[in-house]
Protein backbone atom coordinates (compact mmCIF):
# COMPACT_ATOMS: atom_id res chain seq x y z
CA MET A 1 -34.22 -4.16 0.85
CA LYS A 2 -30.82 -2.83 1.61
CA ASP A 3 -29.51 0.02 -0.58
CA ILE A 4 -26.57 -0.66 -2.82
CA LEU A 5 -23.92 0.88 -0.65
CA GLY A 6 -25.27 -0.95 2.42
CA HIS A 7 -25.01 -4.27 0.50
CA LEU A 8 -21.40 -3.50 -0.21
CA ASN A 9 -20.67 -3.06 3.44
CA THR A 10 -21.82 -6.51 4.15
CA LEU A 11 -19.74 -8.38 1.54
CA LYS A 12 -17.17 -10.79 3.01
CA ARG A 13 -14.15 -11.37 0.88
CA PRO A 14 -10.57 -12.50 1.67
CA ARG A 15 -8.46 -9.66 3.14
CA LEU A 16 -5.77 -10.12 0.37
CA LEU A 17 -8.48 -9.43 -2.31
CA ILE A 18 -9.77 -6.41 -0.49
CA ARG A 19 -6.29 -5.03 0.17
CA ALA A 20 -5.39 -5.51 -3.55
CA ALA A 21 -8.56 -3.51 -4.63
CA ARG A 22 -8.00 -0.76 -2.03
CA ALA A 23 -4.51 -0.28 -3.27
CA GLY A 24 -5.86 0.06 -6.94
CA VAL A 25 -8.87 2.30 -6.25
CA ASP A 26 -6.68 5.31 -5.72
CA GLY A 27 -5.94 5.18 -9.54
CA TYR A 28 -9.52 4.47 -10.50
CA SER A 29 -10.57 6.04 -13.68
CA ARG A 30 -14.26 5.63 -14.53
CA THR A 31 -13.91 5.88 -18.23
CA GLU A 32 -10.92 3.52 -18.39
CA HIS A 33 -12.11 1.01 -15.89
CA LEU A 34 -15.82 0.90 -16.98
CA GLN A 35 -15.02 0.36 -20.56
CA ARG A 36 -13.22 -2.75 -19.75
CA HIS A 37 -16.38 -4.10 -18.14
CA PHE A 38 -19.16 -2.46 -20.33
CA GLY A 39 -17.36 -1.80 -23.68
CA TYR A 40 -17.08 1.48 -25.42
CA GLY A 41 -19.93 3.92 -25.74
CA LYS A 42 -22.04 5.67 -23.35
CA LEU A 43 -21.31 4.35 -19.78
CA PRO A 44 -24.01 3.51 -17.44
CA ARG A 45 -24.97 5.73 -14.41
CA ASN A 46 -23.29 5.05 -11.05
CA ALA A 47 -26.08 2.87 -9.48
CA VAL A 48 -26.59 0.89 -12.69
CA ALA A 49 -22.88 0.32 -13.12
CA LEU A 50 -22.37 -0.68 -9.49
CA MET A 51 -25.36 -3.23 -9.56
CA SER A 52 -23.86 -4.83 -12.73
CA LEU A 53 -20.36 -4.95 -11.22
CA MET A 54 -21.77 -6.51 -8.05
CA GLU A 55 -23.44 -9.22 -10.18
CA LYS A 56 -20.12 -9.88 -12.02
CA GLU A 57 -18.21 -9.98 -8.81
CA ALA A 58 -20.54 -12.39 -7.19
CA GLN A 59 -20.08 -14.83 -10.26
CA LEU A 60 -16.13 -14.34 -9.90
CA ASN A 61 -16.44 -15.05 -6.18
CA ASP A 62 -18.47 -18.28 -6.83
CA GLN A 63 -15.76 -19.28 -9.31
CA ARG A 64 -13.12 -18.54 -6.84
CA ARG A 65 -14.79 -20.67 -4.10
CA LYS A 66 -15.40 -23.55 -6.31
CA GLY A 67 -11.87 -23.54 -7.56
CA ASP A 68 -13.03 -23.13 -11.22
CA ALA A 69 -10.16 -23.36 -13.59
CA GLY A 70 -11.52 -20.29 -15.60
CA TYR A 71 -11.33 -18.01 -12.49
CA SER A 72 -9.16 -14.95 -13.10
CA LEU A 73 -7.73 -13.20 -9.96
CA VAL A 74 -6.99 -10.27 -12.20
CA SER A 75 -10.40 -9.84 -13.32
CA HIS A 76 -11.72 -10.21 -9.83
CA VAL A 77 -9.53 -7.51 -8.37
CA ASP A 78 -10.24 -5.27 -11.32
CA THR A 79 -13.98 -5.73 -10.77
CA LEU A 80 -13.53 -4.97 -7.05
CA ILE A 81 -11.60 -1.66 -8.00
CA ALA A 82 -14.38 -0.82 -10.14
CA MET A 83 -16.96 -1.54 -7.52
CA MET A 84 -15.01 0.57 -4.83
CA GLY A 85 -14.52 3.45 -7.21
CA GLU A 86 -18.30 3.66 -8.15
CA ALA A 87 -19.14 3.43 -4.54
CA GLN A 88 -16.87 6.43 -3.76
CA LEU A 89 -18.33 8.38 -6.70
CA MET A 90 -21.88 7.57 -5.45
CA ARG A 91 -21.00 8.68 -1.75
CA ALA A 92 -19.56 11.93 -3.10
CA SER A 93 -22.50 12.63 -5.25
CA ARG A 94 -24.83 12.10 -2.24
CA GLN A 95 -22.86 14.53 -0.13
CA ARG A 96 -23.05 17.29 -2.88
CA VAL A 97 -26.88 17.05 -2.95
């Protein structure tokens, strides 16, 4: 089984979605962004948060591909920003160890 970060590298998404998320990841604030996804209270650890975000993003991507009327581009980009931000934090914590 691939590790979480390896799985992220294999995701295929439209360039415009990735570019928008990359533009937003510089301003990533774990507390602010993850509260939108997980609610208030204790936030999950990086790996748990990233797995949950990846599941949510996969659902959003399915909606996008099917042309679902309930699809939210803003939510999709926000989820991708959170995924990228968590991945950066995980990579940084691995390098410190």
